[in-house]
Amino acid sequence: MDFWDYTCVNCLRTLPYIKEWNSRYSGLGLSVIGVHAPEFQLAREEENILRAIEKFDIRYPVVMDNDYAIWKAFSNKYWPAKYLSDKDGFLRYAHFGEGSYIETELAIQLLLREVEPGVELPDLMKPVRDTDIPGIHCYKASPELYFGHHLGKPGNPEGIRSEGVVDYTTEFQMKDDTIYFGGR
């Protein structure tokens, strides 16, 4: 099960892996099901979801979960989220967010080998992007960021202002695990 939303950049970054796993392993017993749980109102429209499925060439079933029934049944809290169940329907693996592609594919292979121990499986996928290589740390700007001023403050000396326009600079030494803004 892949919980996703076509408006979620993090979900879209995982799609190449989900699609390739579906291609590689569907004939060997893997059944990928996309659960489209809308993050925003526009993502509830069937026409928009169908257009996204076509645009991204998704070839596995996608269920619309506009009322979050499946989301709630899994007690899910994240986009994207991946859940692997075994042949008996028991949840065996979960991963939230981007990354851990090698671990996820290894879990897929493990579950397939439980069904057919001698099955021939392909080599693990190569990373789609350099930033997906395990152990690589890239501190590039993120195209999407969820941040609430009540949860903390950015590392920029400009801080948070409740009114007016702020020009944030990044011409200073940044610390790990800190949010920084750049631009107007």
N, C-alpha and C. Protein backbone atom coordinates (compact mmCIF):
# COMPACT_ATOMS: atom_id res chain seq x y z
N MET A 1 0.86 -1.16 0.00
CA MET A 1 0.00 0.00 0.00
C MET A 1 0.90 1.22 0.00
N ASP A 2 0.60 2.12 -0.92
CA ASP A 2 1.35 3.38 -1.00
C ASP A 2 0.36 4.51 -0.78
N PHE A 3 0.43 5.13 0.40
CA PHE A 3 -0.41 6.30 0.68
C PHE A 3 0.27 7.51 0.07
N TRP A 4 -0.46 8.20 -0.79
CA TRP A 4 0.13 9.31 -1.53
C TRP A 4 -0.93 10.35 -1.86
N ASP A 5 -0.48 11.46 -2.38
CA ASP A 5 -1.34 12.52 -2.91
C ASP A 5 -0.58 13.15 -4.07
N TYR A 6 -1.25 13.35 -5.17
CA TYR A 6 -0.55 13.87 -6.36
C TYR A 6 -0.06 15.30 -6.17
N THR A 7 -0.51 16.00 -5.12
CA THR A 7 -0.01 17.35 -4.86
C THR A 7 1.19 17.36 -3.92
N CYS A 8 1.58 16.19 -3.43
CA CYS A 8 2.68 16.07 -2.45
C CYS A 8 3.99 15.80 -3.16
N VAL A 9 4.91 16.74 -3.11
CA VAL A 9 6.19 16.59 -3.81
C VAL A 9 6.96 15.39 -3.29
N ASN A 10 6.88 15.10 -2.02
CA ASN A 10 7.59 13.95 -1.46
C ASN A 10 7.01 12.64 -2.00
N CYS A 11 5.71 12.60 -2.17
CA CYS A 11 5.07 11.42 -2.78
C CYS A 11 5.53 11.24 -4.22
N LEU A 12 5.58 12.33 -4.95
CA LEU A 12 5.98 12.25 -6.36
C LEU A 12 7.42 11.80 -6.50
N ARG A 13 8.26 12.15 -5.54
CA ARG A 13 9.66 11.73 -5.61
C ARG A 13 9.81 10.23 -5.36
N THR A 14 8.83 9.60 -4.69
CA THR A 14 8.90 8.15 -4.47
C THR A 14 8.29 7.36 -5.63
N LEU A 15 7.50 8.00 -6.47
CA LEU A 15 6.80 7.30 -7.55
C LEU A 15 7.71 6.48 -8.47
N PRO A 16 8.88 6.96 -8.89
CA PRO A 16 9.71 6.12 -9.76
C PRO A 16 10.03 4.76 -9.14
N TYR A 17 10.20 4.73 -7.83
CA TYR A 17 10.49 3.47 -7.15
C TYR A 17 9.25 2.58 -7.11
N ILE A 18 8.13 3.14 -6.72
CA ILE A 18 6.89 2.37 -6.62
C ILE A 18 6.54 1.78 -7.99
N LYS A 19 6.63 2.59 -9.03
CA LYS A 19 6.31 2.13 -10.38
C LYS A 19 7.26 1.02 -10.83
N GLU A 20 8.53 1.17 -10.54
CA GLU A 20 9.50 0.16 -10.95
C GLU A 20 9.31 -1.14 -10.16
N TRP A 21 9.03 -1.03 -8.85
CA TRP A 21 8.78 -2.24 -8.07
C TRP A 21 7.54 -2.97 -8.61
N ASN A 22 6.52 -2.20 -8.98
CA ASN A 22 5.34 -2.81 -9.57
C ASN A 22 5.71 -3.55 -10.85
N SER A 23 6.52 -2.92 -11.69
CA SER A 23 6.94 -3.52 -12.96
C SER A 23 7.78 -4.78 -12.72
N ARG A 24 8.72 -4.71 -11.79
CA ARG A 24 9.64 -5.82 -11.53
C ARG A 24 8.98 -7.02 -10.86
N TYR A 25 8.06 -6.74 -9.93
CA TYR A 25 7.62 -7.79 -9.03
C TYR A 25 6.14 -8.17 -9.14
N SER A 26 5.35 -7.46 -9.93
CA SER A 26 3.92 -7.80 -9.99
C SER A 26 3.70 -9.20 -10.53
N GLY A 27 4.52 -9.65 -11.47
CA GLY A 27 4.42 -11.00 -12.01
C GLY A 27 4.90 -12.07 -11.04
N LEU A 28 5.53 -11.64 -9.94
CA LEU A 28 6.07 -12.59 -8.97
C LEU A 28 5.26 -12.62 -7.67
N GLY A 29 4.17 -11.84 -7.67
CA GLY A 29 3.28 -11.89 -6.50
C GLY A 29 3.07 -10.57 -5.78
N LEU A 30 3.79 -9.53 -6.12
CA LEU A 30 3.58 -8.24 -5.47
C LEU A 30 2.33 -7.57 -6.06
N SER A 31 1.49 -7.09 -5.19
CA SER A 31 0.33 -6.30 -5.61
C SER A 31 0.46 -4.91 -5.01
N VAL A 32 0.72 -3.93 -5.85
CA VAL A 32 0.83 -2.55 -5.40
C VAL A 32 -0.56 -1.92 -5.47
N ILE A 33 -0.95 -1.26 -4.40
CA ILE A 33 -2.20 -0.52 -4.37
C ILE A 33 -1.88 0.89 -3.91
N GLY A 34 -2.22 1.86 -4.74
CA GLY A 34 -2.06 3.26 -4.36
C GLY A 34 -3.30 3.72 -3.61
N VAL A 35 -3.09 4.34 -2.47
CA VAL A 35 -4.20 4.91 -1.70
C VAL A 35 -4.05 6.42 -1.78
N HIS A 36 -4.89 7.04 -2.61
CA HIS A 36 -4.80 8.49 -2.77
C HIS A 36 -5.63 9.16 -1.68
N ALA A 37 -4.94 9.69 -0.69
CA ALA A 37 -5.57 10.40 0.43
C ALA A 37 -5.25 11.88 0.24
N PRO A 38 -6.26 12.71 -0.01
CA PRO A 38 -6.01 14.10 -0.37
C PRO A 38 -5.48 14.95 0.79
N GLU A 39 -4.43 15.67 0.47
CA GLU A 39 -3.87 16.60 1.44
C GLU A 39 -4.60 17.94 1.36
N PHE A 40 -5.06 18.29 0.17
CA PHE A 40 -5.74 19.56 -0.06
C PHE A 40 -7.07 19.32 -0.78
N GLN A 41 -7.97 20.29 -0.70
CA GLN A 41 -9.30 20.15 -1.28
C GLN A 41 -9.27 19.81 -2.77
N LEU A 42 -8.41 20.45 -3.57
CA LEU A 42 -8.37 20.19 -5.00
C LEU A 42 -7.98 18.75 -5.31
N ALA A 43 -7.32 18.09 -4.38
CA ALA A 43 -6.89 16.70 -4.59
C ALA A 43 -8.01 15.71 -4.29
N ARG A 44 -9.20 16.19 -4.00
CA ARG A 44 -10.36 15.32 -3.79
C ARG A 44 -11.12 15.07 -5.09
N GLU A 45 -10.83 15.86 -6.10
CA GLU A 45 -11.58 15.78 -7.36
C GLU A 45 -11.13 14.60 -8.20
N GLU A 46 -12.06 13.71 -8.52
CA GLU A 46 -11.74 12.51 -9.28
C GLU A 46 -11.05 12.84 -10.60
N GLU A 47 -11.50 13.86 -11.27
CA GLU A 47 -10.90 14.25 -12.56
C GLU A 47 -9.42 14.60 -12.39
N ASN A 48 -9.09 15.31 -11.34
CA ASN A 48 -7.70 15.68 -11.09
C ASN A 48 -6.84 14.45 -10.78
N ILE A 49 -7.40 13.52 -10.00
CA ILE A 49 -6.65 12.31 -9.65
C ILE A 49 -6.42 11.46 -10.89
N LEU A 50 -7.47 11.30 -11.72
CA LEU A 50 -7.33 10.52 -12.95
C LEU A 50 -6.30 11.14 -13.89
N ARG A 51 -6.29 12.47 -13.96
CA ARG A 51 -5.30 13.16 -14.79
C ARG A 51 -3.89 12.90 -14.27
N ALA A 52 -3.72 12.91 -12.96
CA ALA A 52 -2.40 12.65 -12.36
C ALA A 52 -1.97 11.21 -12.61
N ILE A 53 -2.89 10.27 -12.50
CA ILE A 53 -2.56 8.86 -12.75
C ILE A 53 -2.09 8.68 -14.19
N GLU A 54 -2.75 9.35 -15.10
CA GLU A 54 -2.33 9.27 -16.51
C GLU A 54 -1.00 9.98 -16.73
N LYS A 55 -0.87 11.18 -16.17
CA LYS A 55 0.37 11.96 -16.35
C LYS A 55 1.59 11.19 -15.83
N PHE A 56 1.46 10.55 -14.68
CA PHE A 56 2.59 9.84 -14.07
C PHE A 56 2.66 8.38 -14.51
N ASP A 57 1.78 7.99 -15.42
CA ASP A 57 1.79 6.64 -16.00
C ASP A 57 1.77 5.56 -14.92
N ILE A 58 0.83 5.71 -13.99
CA ILE A 58 0.67 4.74 -12.90
C ILE A 58 -0.17 3.58 -13.43
N ARG A 59 0.39 2.37 -13.33
CA ARG A 59 -0.25 1.19 -13.92
C ARG A 59 -0.73 0.18 -12.88
N TYR A 60 -0.88 0.60 -11.66
CA TYR A 60 -1.42 -0.25 -10.62
C TYR A 60 -2.69 0.41 -10.09
N PRO A 61 -3.55 -0.33 -9.42
CA PRO A 61 -4.81 0.27 -8.95
C PRO A 61 -4.57 1.38 -7.93
N VAL A 62 -5.40 2.41 -8.03
CA VAL A 62 -5.37 3.52 -7.09
C VAL A 62 -6.79 3.71 -6.57
N VAL A 63 -6.93 3.70 -5.27
CA VAL A 63 -8.24 3.92 -4.65
C VAL A 63 -8.26 5.35 -4.10
N MET A 64 -9.41 6.01 -4.29
CA MET A 64 -9.59 7.35 -3.72
C MET A 64 -10.05 7.17 -2.28
N ASP A 65 -9.32 7.76 -1.36
CA ASP A 65 -9.63 7.65 0.06
C ASP A 65 -10.00 9.03 0.61
N ASN A 66 -10.97 9.69 -0.04
CA ASN A 66 -11.34 11.06 0.33
C ASN A 66 -11.87 11.18 1.76
N ASP A 67 -12.46 10.11 2.28
CA ASP A 67 -12.97 10.17 3.65
C ASP A 67 -11.96 9.60 4.66
N TYR A 68 -10.77 9.23 4.18
CA TYR A 68 -9.66 8.75 5.00
C TYR A 68 -9.99 7.45 5.74
N ALA A 69 -10.91 6.64 5.20
CA ALA A 69 -11.26 5.37 5.85
C ALA A 69 -10.06 4.43 5.90
N ILE A 70 -9.36 4.28 4.79
CA ILE A 70 -8.19 3.39 4.77
C ILE A 70 -7.06 4.02 5.59
N TRP A 71 -6.87 5.33 5.42
CA TRP A 71 -5.88 6.08 6.19
C TRP A 71 -6.06 5.80 7.69
N LYS A 72 -7.30 5.91 8.17
CA LYS A 72 -7.59 5.70 9.59
C LYS A 72 -7.41 4.24 9.99
N ALA A 73 -7.79 3.32 9.11
CA ALA A 73 -7.64 1.89 9.41
C ALA A 73 -6.17 1.53 9.64
N PHE A 74 -5.26 2.23 8.96
CA PHE A 74 -3.83 2.00 9.13
C PHE A 74 -3.24 2.91 10.21
N SER A 75 -4.05 3.78 10.79
CA SER A 75 -3.56 4.80 11.73
C SER A 75 -2.42 5.58 11.09
N ASN A 76 -2.57 5.83 9.81
CA ASN A 76 -1.51 6.53 9.07
C ASN A 76 -1.48 8.01 9.43
N LYS A 77 -0.32 8.60 9.33
CA LYS A 77 -0.15 10.03 9.63
C LYS A 77 0.74 10.74 8.63
N TYR A 78 1.16 10.02 7.57
CA TYR A 78 2.22 10.57 6.72
C TYR A 78 1.92 10.44 5.23
N TRP A 79 2.47 11.38 4.49
CA TRP A 79 2.55 11.31 3.03
C TRP A 79 4.02 11.39 2.68
N PRO A 80 4.56 10.55 1.93
CA PRO A 80 4.04 9.23 1.56
C PRO A 80 4.28 8.24 2.69
N ALA A 81 3.53 7.14 2.62
CA ALA A 81 3.71 6.03 3.56
C ALA A 81 3.57 4.73 2.78
N LYS A 82 4.46 3.80 3.06
CA LYS A 82 4.43 2.50 2.40
C LYS A 82 4.27 1.41 3.44
N TYR A 83 3.33 0.50 3.17
CA TYR A 83 3.07 -0.64 4.05
C TYR A 83 3.15 -1.91 3.22
N LEU A 84 3.88 -2.89 3.72
CA LEU A 84 3.97 -4.19 3.07
C LEU A 84 3.31 -5.23 3.97
N SER A 85 2.42 -6.00 3.36
CA SER A 85 1.77 -7.10 4.06
C SER A 85 2.26 -8.41 3.47
N ASP A 86 2.26 -9.46 4.28
CA ASP A 86 2.65 -10.77 3.77
C ASP A 86 1.47 -11.47 3.11
N LYS A 87 1.67 -12.69 2.67
CA LYS A 87 0.65 -13.44 1.94
C LYS A 87 -0.59 -13.70 2.78
N ASP A 88 -0.46 -13.65 4.10
CA ASP A 88 -1.60 -13.86 5.00
C ASP A 88 -2.26 -12.55 5.43
N GLY A 89 -1.76 -11.43 4.90
CA GLY A 89 -2.36 -10.14 5.22
C GLY A 89 -1.81 -9.46 6.46
N PHE A 90 -0.75 -10.02 7.04
CA PHE A 90 -0.16 -9.40 8.23
C PHE A 90 0.81 -8.31 7.81
N LEU A 91 0.71 -7.17 8.46
CA LEU A 91 1.62 -6.06 8.20
C LEU A 91 3.02 -6.45 8.63
N ARG A 92 3.99 -6.32 7.70
CA ARG A 92 5.35 -6.77 7.98
C ARG A 92 6.39 -5.67 7.86
N TYR A 93 6.02 -4.56 7.21
CA TYR A 93 7.02 -3.51 6.99
C TYR A 93 6.27 -2.20 6.76
N ALA A 94 6.85 -1.12 7.26
CA ALA A 94 6.30 0.21 7.00
C ALA A 94 7.46 1.20 6.87
N HIS A 95 7.28 2.14 5.98
CA HIS A 95 8.24 3.23 5.85
C HIS A 95 7.47 4.51 5.57
N PHE A 96 7.89 5.60 6.23
CA PHE A 96 7.23 6.88 6.10
C PHE A 96 8.18 7.90 5.50
N GLY A 97 7.70 8.64 4.52
CA GLY A 97 8.50 9.67 3.87
C GLY A 97 9.31 9.11 2.72
N GLU A 98 10.25 9.90 2.28
CA GLU A 98 11.15 9.49 1.20
C GLU A 98 12.26 8.62 1.79
N GLY A 99 13.05 8.03 0.87
CA GLY A 99 14.24 7.31 1.29
C GLY A 99 13.99 5.86 1.66
N SER A 100 15.05 5.22 2.14
CA SER A 100 15.04 3.80 2.51
C SER A 100 14.56 2.91 1.37
N TYR A 101 14.93 3.28 0.14
CA TYR A 101 14.47 2.53 -1.03
C TYR A 101 15.09 1.13 -1.08
N ILE A 102 16.34 1.02 -0.71
CA ILE A 102 16.99 -0.29 -0.70
C ILE A 102 16.33 -1.17 0.36
N GLU A 103 16.12 -0.64 1.55
CA GLU A 103 15.50 -1.41 2.62
C GLU A 103 14.10 -1.86 2.22
N THR A 104 13.35 -0.98 1.58
CA THR A 104 11.99 -1.33 1.16
C THR A 104 12.01 -2.43 0.11
N GLU A 105 12.91 -2.31 -0.87
CA GLU A 105 12.97 -3.34 -1.90
C GLU A 105 13.46 -4.67 -1.30
N LEU A 106 14.37 -4.63 -0.36
CA LEU A 106 14.80 -5.86 0.31
C LEU A 106 13.62 -6.51 1.05
N ALA A 107 12.77 -5.69 1.67
CA ALA A 107 11.59 -6.22 2.36
C ALA A 107 10.63 -6.85 1.36
N ILE A 108 10.46 -6.24 0.19
CA ILE A 108 9.63 -6.82 -0.86
C ILE A 108 10.19 -8.19 -1.25
N GLN A 109 11.49 -8.24 -1.49
CA GLN A 109 12.11 -9.50 -1.90
C GLN A 109 11.99 -10.57 -0.81
N LEU A 110 12.17 -10.19 0.43
CA LEU A 110 12.04 -11.14 1.54
C LEU A 110 10.64 -11.76 1.55
N LEU A 111 9.63 -10.93 1.40
CA LEU A 111 8.25 -11.43 1.43
C LEU A 111 7.95 -12.32 0.22
N LEU A 112 8.51 -11.97 -0.93
CA LEU A 112 8.31 -12.81 -2.11
C LEU A 112 9.01 -14.16 -1.94
N ARG A 113 10.17 -14.17 -1.30
CA ARG A 113 10.89 -15.43 -1.07
C ARG A 113 10.18 -16.31 -0.04
N GLU A 114 9.42 -15.70 0.85
CA GLU A 114 8.64 -16.50 1.80
C GLU A 114 7.57 -17.30 1.07
N VAL A 115 7.02 -16.75 0.01
CA VAL A 115 6.01 -17.44 -0.78
C VAL A 115 6.65 -18.49 -1.67
N GLU A 116 7.77 -18.12 -2.30
CA GLU A 116 8.49 -19.03 -3.22
C GLU A 116 9.98 -18.91 -2.94
N PRO A 117 10.53 -19.76 -2.08
CA PRO A 117 11.92 -19.65 -1.67
C PRO A 117 12.92 -19.63 -2.82
N GLY A 118 12.69 -20.33 -3.90
CA GLY A 118 13.66 -20.39 -4.99
C GLY A 118 13.43 -19.37 -6.09
N VAL A 119 12.57 -18.41 -5.86
CA VAL A 119 12.25 -17.43 -6.91
C VAL A 119 13.49 -16.63 -7.30
N GLU A 120 13.64 -16.41 -8.60
CA GLU A 120 14.75 -15.58 -9.09
C GLU A 120 14.28 -14.13 -9.11
N LEU A 121 15.02 -13.30 -8.42
CA LEU A 121 14.67 -11.89 -8.29
C LEU A 121 15.74 -11.03 -8.93
N PRO A 122 15.36 -9.87 -9.44
CA PRO A 122 16.36 -8.99 -10.05
C PRO A 122 17.25 -8.35 -9.01
N ASP A 123 18.39 -7.83 -9.47
CA ASP A 123 19.24 -7.04 -8.58
C ASP A 123 18.44 -5.83 -8.09
N LEU A 124 18.84 -5.31 -6.95
CA LEU A 124 18.18 -4.12 -6.41
C LEU A 124 18.31 -2.95 -7.37
N MET A 125 17.32 -2.10 -7.36
CA MET A 125 17.33 -0.91 -8.21
C MET A 125 18.51 -0.02 -7.86
N LYS A 126 19.04 0.62 -8.85
CA LYS A 126 20.02 1.68 -8.62
C LYS A 126 19.25 2.93 -8.19
N PRO A 127 19.85 3.78 -7.38
CA PRO A 127 19.17 5.02 -7.00
C PRO A 127 18.77 5.84 -8.23
N VAL A 128 17.58 6.40 -8.18
CA VAL A 128 17.07 7.23 -9.27
C VAL A 128 17.79 8.58 -9.29
N ARG A 129 18.10 9.08 -8.10
CA ARG A 129 18.77 10.39 -7.96
C ARG A 129 20.00 10.22 -7.08
N ASP A 130 21.00 11.04 -7.29
CA ASP A 130 22.19 10.98 -6.44
C ASP A 130 21.84 11.17 -4.97
N THR A 131 20.83 12.00 -4.69
CA THR A 131 20.44 12.25 -3.31
C THR A 131 19.80 11.04 -2.65
N ASP A 132 19.49 10.00 -3.43
CA ASP A 132 18.90 8.78 -2.87
C ASP A 132 19.96 7.75 -2.47
N ILE A 133 21.22 8.01 -2.77
CA ILE A 133 22.29 7.07 -2.42
C ILE A 133 22.43 7.03 -0.90
N PRO A 134 22.37 5.83 -0.30
CA PRO A 134 22.48 5.75 1.16
C PRO A 134 23.77 6.41 1.65
N GLY A 135 23.65 7.17 2.72
CA GLY A 135 24.81 7.81 3.32
C GLY A 135 25.14 9.18 2.74
N ILE A 136 24.52 9.54 1.62
CA ILE A 136 24.77 10.85 1.01
C ILE A 136 24.00 11.90 1.79
N HIS A 137 24.65 12.99 2.11
CA HIS A 137 23.99 14.11 2.76
C HIS A 137 24.05 15.30 1.83
N CYS A 138 22.90 15.70 1.35
CA CYS A 138 22.80 16.86 0.46
C CYS A 138 21.93 17.89 1.15
N TYR A 139 22.41 19.08 1.24
CA TYR A 139 21.66 20.13 1.91
C TYR A 139 21.16 21.14 0.90
N LYS A 140 20.50 20.61 -0.14
CA LYS A 140 19.92 21.49 -1.14
C LYS A 140 18.62 22.07 -0.62
N ALA A 141 18.17 23.12 -1.28
CA ALA A 141 16.90 23.72 -0.92
C ALA A 141 15.77 22.73 -1.21
N SER A 142 14.80 22.68 -0.33
CA SER A 142 13.64 21.81 -0.51
C SER A 142 12.54 22.57 -1.22
N PRO A 143 11.85 21.94 -2.19
CA PRO A 143 10.77 22.63 -2.88
C PRO A 143 9.52 22.75 -2.02
N GLU A 144 9.44 22.03 -0.89
CA GLU A 144 8.26 22.07 -0.05
C GLU A 144 8.69 21.97 1.39
N LEU A 145 8.03 22.72 2.25
CA LEU A 145 8.40 22.75 3.65
C LEU A 145 7.16 23.00 4.49
N TYR A 146 6.93 22.18 5.50
CA TYR A 146 5.86 22.40 6.46
C TYR A 146 6.52 22.89 7.74
N PHE A 147 6.09 24.05 8.19
CA PHE A 147 6.75 24.64 9.34
C PHE A 147 5.76 25.55 10.02
N GLY A 148 5.64 25.45 11.32
CA GLY A 148 4.76 26.33 12.07
C GLY A 148 5.58 27.16 13.04
N HIS A 149 5.32 28.48 13.06
CA HIS A 149 6.12 29.36 13.92
C HIS A 149 5.93 29.03 15.39
N HIS A 150 4.81 28.40 15.73
CA HIS A 150 4.59 28.02 17.13
C HIS A 150 5.43 26.82 17.54
N LEU A 151 6.02 26.12 16.58
CA LEU A 151 6.83 24.93 16.87
C LEU A 151 8.31 25.27 17.08
N GLY A 152 8.69 26.44 16.72
CA GLY A 152 10.10 26.81 16.82
C GLY A 152 10.36 28.02 15.96
N LYS A 153 11.60 28.28 15.66
CA LYS A 153 11.94 29.43 14.83
C LYS A 153 13.02 29.02 13.85
N PRO A 154 13.08 29.72 12.73
CA PRO A 154 14.14 29.40 11.77
C PRO A 154 15.49 29.83 12.32
N GLY A 155 16.55 29.28 11.73
CA GLY A 155 17.89 29.63 12.14
C GLY A 155 18.36 30.98 11.61
N ASN A 156 17.59 31.58 10.72
CA ASN A 156 17.96 32.89 10.17
C ASN A 156 17.93 33.96 11.25
N PRO A 157 18.87 34.90 11.19
CA PRO A 157 18.85 35.97 12.19
C PRO A 157 17.62 36.87 12.05
N GLU A 158 16.96 36.85 10.88
CA GLU A 158 15.77 37.69 10.67
C GLU A 158 14.58 37.20 11.49
N GLY A 159 14.60 35.93 11.89
CA GLY A 159 13.52 35.37 12.70
C GLY A 159 12.18 35.36 11.97
N ILE A 160 11.10 35.24 12.73
CA ILE A 160 9.73 35.23 12.19
C ILE A 160 9.10 36.59 12.48
N ARG A 161 8.45 37.13 11.49
CA ARG A 161 7.69 38.37 11.68
C ARG A 161 6.25 38.08 11.30
N SER A 162 5.32 38.52 12.11
CA SER A 162 3.92 38.22 11.85
C SER A 162 3.34 39.10 10.74
N GLU A 163 3.98 40.22 10.45
CA GLU A 163 3.46 41.10 9.39
C GLU A 163 4.61 41.61 8.53
N GLY A 164 4.26 41.98 7.32
CA GLY A 164 5.24 42.57 6.42
C GLY A 164 6.04 41.53 5.65
N VAL A 165 6.86 42.01 4.76
CA VAL A 165 7.70 41.18 3.91
C VAL A 165 9.08 41.07 4.54
N VAL A 166 9.65 39.88 4.50
CA VAL A 166 10.97 39.65 5.06
C VAL A 166 11.88 39.12 3.96
N ASP A 167 13.06 39.68 3.85
CA ASP A 167 14.07 39.16 2.93
C ASP A 167 15.04 38.32 3.76
N TYR A 168 14.99 37.00 3.56
CA TYR A 168 15.84 36.09 4.32
C TYR A 168 17.13 35.84 3.55
N THR A 169 18.23 35.91 4.27
CA THR A 169 19.53 35.65 3.67
C THR A 169 20.07 34.33 4.24
N THR A 170 21.00 33.74 3.53
CA THR A 170 21.62 32.50 4.00
C THR A 170 23.14 32.61 3.93
N GLU A 171 23.63 33.80 4.10
CA GLU A 171 25.08 34.06 4.02
C GLU A 171 25.71 33.93 5.40
N PHE A 172 25.58 32.75 5.99
CA PHE A 172 26.17 32.50 7.30
C PHE A 172 26.32 31.00 7.46
N GLN A 173 27.01 30.57 8.49
CA GLN A 173 27.22 29.14 8.75
C GLN A 173 25.92 28.53 9.26
N MET A 174 25.44 27.50 8.57
CA MET A 174 24.19 26.84 8.98
C MET A 174 24.50 25.62 9.84
N LYS A 175 23.57 25.32 10.75
CA LYS A 175 23.69 24.16 11.64
C LYS A 175 22.78 23.05 11.12
N ASP A 176 23.16 21.80 11.38
CA ASP A 176 22.30 20.66 11.05
C ASP A 176 21.01 20.74 11.86
N ASP A 177 19.97 20.11 11.33
CA ASP A 177 18.69 19.97 12.01
C ASP A 177 18.04 21.32 12.35
N THR A 178 18.26 22.29 11.54
CA THR A 178 17.69 23.62 11.73
C THR A 178 17.08 24.08 10.41
N ILE A 179 15.93 24.71 10.48
CA ILE A 179 15.26 25.21 9.27
C ILE A 179 15.77 26.61 8.97
N TYR A 180 16.07 26.85 7.69
CA TYR A 180 16.49 28.16 7.24
C TYR A 180 15.64 28.56 6.05
N PHE A 181 15.37 29.84 5.96
CA PHE A 181 14.66 30.39 4.81
C PHE A 181 15.63 31.16 3.96
N GLY A 182 15.36 31.18 2.65
CA GLY A 182 16.15 31.98 1.73
C GLY A 182 15.24 32.64 0.74
N GLY A 183 15.33 33.94 0.62
CA GLY A 183 14.51 34.66 -0.35
C GLY A 183 13.49 35.58 0.31
N ARG A 184 12.62 36.14 -0.53
CA ARG A 184 11.63 37.11 -0.06
C ARG A 184 10.43 36.39 0.52
